[in-house]
Protein backbone atom coordinates (compact mmCIF):
# COMPACT_ATOMS: atom_id res chain seq x y z
CA MET A 1 104.18 116.10 92.28
CA SER A 2 105.15 113.85 95.20
CA LYS A 3 107.66 114.80 97.89
CA GLU A 4 109.83 111.90 96.73
CA HIS A 5 109.84 113.15 93.14
CA GLU A 6 110.67 116.69 94.25
CA PHE A 7 113.46 115.38 96.46
CA LEU A 8 114.94 113.30 93.63
CA GLN A 9 114.71 116.31 91.32
CA GLN A 10 116.75 118.29 93.83
CA VAL A 11 119.46 115.74 94.67
CA LEU A 12 119.80 114.59 91.05
CA LYS A 13 120.01 118.18 89.78
CA GLY A 14 116.89 117.86 87.63
CA HIS A 15 118.48 115.12 85.49
CA ARG A 16 115.27 113.70 84.03
CA SER A 17 116.46 110.22 83.13
CA ALA A 18 118.34 109.81 86.44
CA VAL A 19 115.17 110.70 88.36
CA LEU A 20 113.14 108.30 86.21
CA PHE A 21 115.74 105.56 86.75
CA CYS A 22 115.41 105.87 90.53
CA GLU A 23 111.63 106.05 90.40
CA LEU A 24 111.51 102.92 88.22
CA LEU A 25 113.68 101.04 90.69
CA PHE A 26 111.53 102.19 93.61
CA ARG A 27 108.29 101.09 91.93
CA ILE A 28 109.71 97.73 90.86
CA SER A 29 111.16 97.05 94.30
CA GLN A 30 107.97 98.08 96.08
CA VAL A 31 105.82 95.66 94.09
CA MET A 32 108.41 92.91 94.58
CA ASP A 33 108.39 93.58 98.31
CA ASP A 34 104.59 93.62 98.47
CA ILE A 35 104.46 90.27 96.69
CA TYR A 36 107.19 88.79 98.87
CA ASP A 37 105.77 90.01 102.18
CA GLY A 38 102.17 89.40 101.19
CA ASP A 39 101.22 92.42 103.30
CA LYS A 40 99.56 94.26 100.42
CA GLU A 41 97.55 92.74 97.63
CA VAL A 42 99.17 93.25 94.24
CA SER A 43 96.74 93.38 91.36
CA ARG A 44 97.46 91.71 88.06
CA ARG A 45 97.71 95.17 86.54
CA ASP A 46 100.33 96.26 89.12
CA PHE A 47 102.28 93.05 88.56
CA THR A 48 102.14 93.44 84.78
CA GLU A 49 103.24 97.08 84.99
CA MET A 50 106.12 96.10 87.29
CA MET A 51 107.26 93.46 84.81
CA TRP A 52 107.04 95.96 81.94
CA GLU A 53 109.09 98.48 83.88
CA ALA A 54 111.68 95.85 84.87
CA LEU A 55 112.02 94.27 81.43
CA VAL A 56 111.41 97.20 79.08
CA GLU A 57 111.58 100.63 80.71
CA LEU A 58 114.52 100.15 83.08
CA PRO A 59 116.93 98.57 80.57
CA SER A 60 116.14 101.28 78.02
CA ASN A 61 116.50 104.19 80.45
CA GLU A 62 119.09 106.61 79.04
CA PHE A 63 120.80 107.21 82.39
CA TYR A 64 121.00 103.49 83.12
CA MET A 65 122.39 102.71 79.68
CA SER A 66 124.96 105.53 79.87
CA ASN A 67 126.14 104.47 83.32
CA PHE A 68 125.50 100.73 83.12
CA ALA A 69 129.01 99.71 84.19
CA VAL A 70 128.60 101.65 87.44
CA LEU A 71 124.88 101.16 88.11
CA GLN A 72 124.31 97.50 87.28
CA PRO A 73 126.63 96.17 90.03
CA LEU A 74 124.92 98.54 92.49
CA VAL A 75 121.47 97.27 91.46
CA ARG A 76 122.72 93.68 91.81
CA SER A 77 124.13 94.43 95.25
CA ALA A 78 120.95 96.19 96.41
CA LEU A 79 118.81 93.26 95.26
CA ASN A 80 121.07 90.75 96.98
CA ASP A 81 120.99 92.85 100.17
CA TRP A 82 117.18 92.81 100.01
CA TYR A 83 117.24 89.00 99.68
CA ASP A 84 119.57 88.77 102.68
CA ALA A 85 117.41 91.15 104.71
CA ASN A 86 114.33 89.02 104.10
CA GLU A 87 116.23 85.93 105.25
CA LEU A 88 117.73 87.64 108.32
CA GLU A 89 114.35 89.03 109.45
CA HIS A 90 113.40 85.52 110.52
CA SER A 91 116.32 85.08 112.88
CA GLY A 92 117.27 86.60 116.22
CA GLU A 93 117.40 90.25 117.22
CA HIS A 94 120.95 90.83 115.98
CA ASP A 95 120.12 89.41 112.54
CA GLN A 96 117.01 91.59 112.46
CA SER A 97 119.18 94.65 113.17
CA ILE A 98 121.35 93.67 110.21
CA ALA A 99 118.20 93.23 108.10
CA PHE A 100 117.13 96.78 109.00
CA ILE A 101 120.39 98.10 107.57
CA LEU A 102 120.34 95.92 104.45
CA ARG A 103 116.70 96.07 103.42
CA ASP A 104 116.81 99.39 101.57
CA GLN A 105 120.16 99.74 99.88
CA LEU A 106 118.53 101.56 96.97
CA THR A 107 119.17 104.63 99.10
CA GLY A 108 122.90 104.20 98.55
CA LEU A 109 122.21 103.84 94.85
CA VAL A 110 120.48 107.25 94.86
CA SER A 111 123.62 108.75 96.40
CA GLN A 112 125.72 107.20 93.66
CA CYS A 113 123.36 108.64 91.04
CA ALA A 114 123.92 112.04 92.68
CA TYR A 115 127.65 111.45 92.25
CA LEU A 116 127.18 110.61 88.58
CA VAL A 117 125.22 113.79 87.88
CA GLY A 118 127.17 116.14 90.15
CA GLY A 119 130.55 114.70 91.13
CA TYR A 120 132.21 114.14 94.47
CA GLN A 121 131.42 117.51 96.07
CA TRP A 122 127.74 117.16 95.19
CA LEU A 123 127.68 113.60 96.55
CA ARG A 124 129.13 114.78 99.85
CA HIS A 125 126.65 117.67 99.93
CA VAL A 126 123.54 115.49 99.53
CA SER A 127 124.44 111.97 100.67
CA ALA A 128 123.51 112.23 104.36
CA GLU A 129 120.28 114.03 103.45
CA VAL A 130 119.40 111.25 100.98
CA ARG A 131 119.73 108.72 103.80
CA ARG A 132 117.65 110.86 106.18
CA PHE A 133 114.92 111.27 103.60
CA PHE A 134 114.57 107.61 102.65
CA HIS A 135 115.36 106.01 106.01
CA ASP A 136 112.48 107.59 107.88
CA GLU A 137 111.59 104.49 109.91
CA THR A 138 113.43 103.98 113.18
CA LEU A 139 115.00 100.67 114.17
CA VAL A 140 112.54 100.40 117.08
CA ASP A 141 109.54 100.87 114.76
CA TYR A 142 110.98 98.36 112.33
CA MET A 143 111.57 95.77 115.06
CA ASN A 144 108.06 96.34 116.44
CA GLY A 145 106.69 95.88 112.91
CA LEU A 146 108.30 92.47 112.69
CA GLY A 147 106.05 91.40 115.54
CA GLY A 148 106.59 87.78 116.37
CA VAL A 149 109.05 87.20 113.57
CA LYS A 150 112.10 85.58 115.15
């Protein structure tokens, strides 16, 4: 079991379909990002599995279906933020700082899933830790990774 899975199990109180929902989003977004950046080769199999998860598994996830009215706008916002981040990465330093903030808004979605499974007090208990866990790259490392992108 991965550290990420164990962490999601903890912050989502063992809610199986909530954990699966987050893991599906992470896998889909990672393959999308790999294709977009071109920094990692994506096999046909990986692409096909990503499409299956996006078109079949995610929409039929019990947690997603039960909380669609809350989660779908958050997914839309996270995807739009990722688009914006990719555009801003190619601008000046300030825009790249904004991109660093925007590029992984799925973290905020995990916090909202914690709210859905545990309420306000649970959200406040785990939210900062969720951000620490998933935002493990520093701004300096991110900026250095952009290299000559300006």
